[in-house]
């Protein structure tokens, strides 16, 4: 199982949504050497384990920072 991002409020109530062979959690990175910048994008589809409701979580920022 993929871990729920550490910055999700009340993360103990959530899990990353999964289907057979698919995990809905991705981290994308973008590097531009010419401009000396590096970025990350963290995307997750979350399920509240108590209410069975669905949420998307998105966090982005510079690599090395919390975003």
Protein backbone atom coordinates (compact mmCIF):
# COMPACT_ATOMS: atom_id res chain seq x y z
CA UNK A 1 0.00 0.00 0.00
CA UNK A 2 1.08 3.53 -0.71
CA UNK A 3 1.37 5.75 2.38
CA UNK A 4 -0.94 8.73 2.80
CA UNK A 5 1.02 11.98 2.40
CA UNK A 6 2.32 13.28 5.73
CA UNK A 7 0.62 16.67 5.22
CA UNK A 8 -2.95 15.32 4.89
CA UNK A 9 -4.98 16.58 7.88
CA UNK A 10 -6.21 13.67 10.05
CA UNK A 11 -4.27 11.27 7.83
CA UNK A 12 -4.97 8.35 10.17
CA UNK A 13 -8.58 8.42 8.86
CA UNK A 14 -7.54 7.96 5.22
CA UNK A 15 -6.01 5.42 2.90
CA UNK A 16 -4.86 5.68 -0.70
CA UNK A 17 -7.49 4.31 -3.10
CA UNK A 18 -6.48 1.10 -4.88
CA UNK A 19 -7.94 -1.16 -7.53
CA UNK A 20 -6.42 -4.48 -8.58
CA UNK A 21 -3.12 -3.55 -10.22
CA UNK A 22 -3.61 0.22 -9.72
CA UNK A 23 -2.53 2.51 -6.92
CA UNK A 24 -3.84 6.08 -7.12
CA UNK A 25 -0.77 7.87 -5.77
CA UNK A 26 1.87 9.57 -7.93
CA UNK A 27 4.84 11.85 -7.45
CA UNK A 28 5.92 13.78 -10.53
CA UNK A 29 9.13 15.78 -10.82
CA UNK A 30 10.17 18.49 -13.24
CA UNK A 31 13.78 19.63 -13.58
CA UNK A 32 15.05 22.54 -15.66
CA UNK A 33 18.85 22.55 -15.58
CA UNK A 34 19.11 25.77 -17.61
CA UNK A 35 17.06 27.73 -15.07
CA UNK A 36 18.31 25.72 -12.07
CA UNK A 37 14.87 24.82 -10.73
CA UNK A 38 13.37 21.53 -9.66
CA UNK A 39 9.70 20.98 -8.79
CA UNK A 40 7.59 18.13 -7.48
CA UNK A 41 3.88 17.37 -7.68
CA UNK A 42 2.28 14.85 -5.32
CA UNK A 43 -1.22 13.59 -6.26
CA UNK A 44 -3.37 11.10 -4.35
CA UNK A 45 -6.93 9.81 -4.42
CA UNK A 46 -7.90 9.19 -0.80
CA UNK A 47 -10.72 7.28 0.86
CA UNK A 48 -11.98 8.17 4.32
CA UNK A 49 -11.96 4.77 6.01
CA UNK A 50 -14.87 5.63 8.34
CA UNK A 51 -17.22 7.53 6.03
CA UNK A 52 -16.19 5.84 2.72
CA UNK A 53 -15.99 9.25 1.05
CA UNK A 54 -13.40 10.14 -1.58
CA UNK A 55 -11.02 13.10 -1.76
CA UNK A 56 -8.18 14.26 -3.94
CA UNK A 57 -4.98 15.55 -2.39
CA UNK A 58 -2.49 17.67 -4.30
CA UNK A 59 0.77 19.15 -3.04
CA UNK A 60 3.53 20.82 -5.02
CA UNK A 61 6.70 22.79 -4.47
CA UNK A 62 10.43 22.88 -4.93
CA UNK A 63 12.34 19.66 -4.37
CA UNK A 64 13.82 19.78 -0.88
CA UNK A 65 10.96 21.92 0.51
CA UNK A 66 7.64 20.80 2.01
CA UNK A 67 5.54 22.49 -0.68
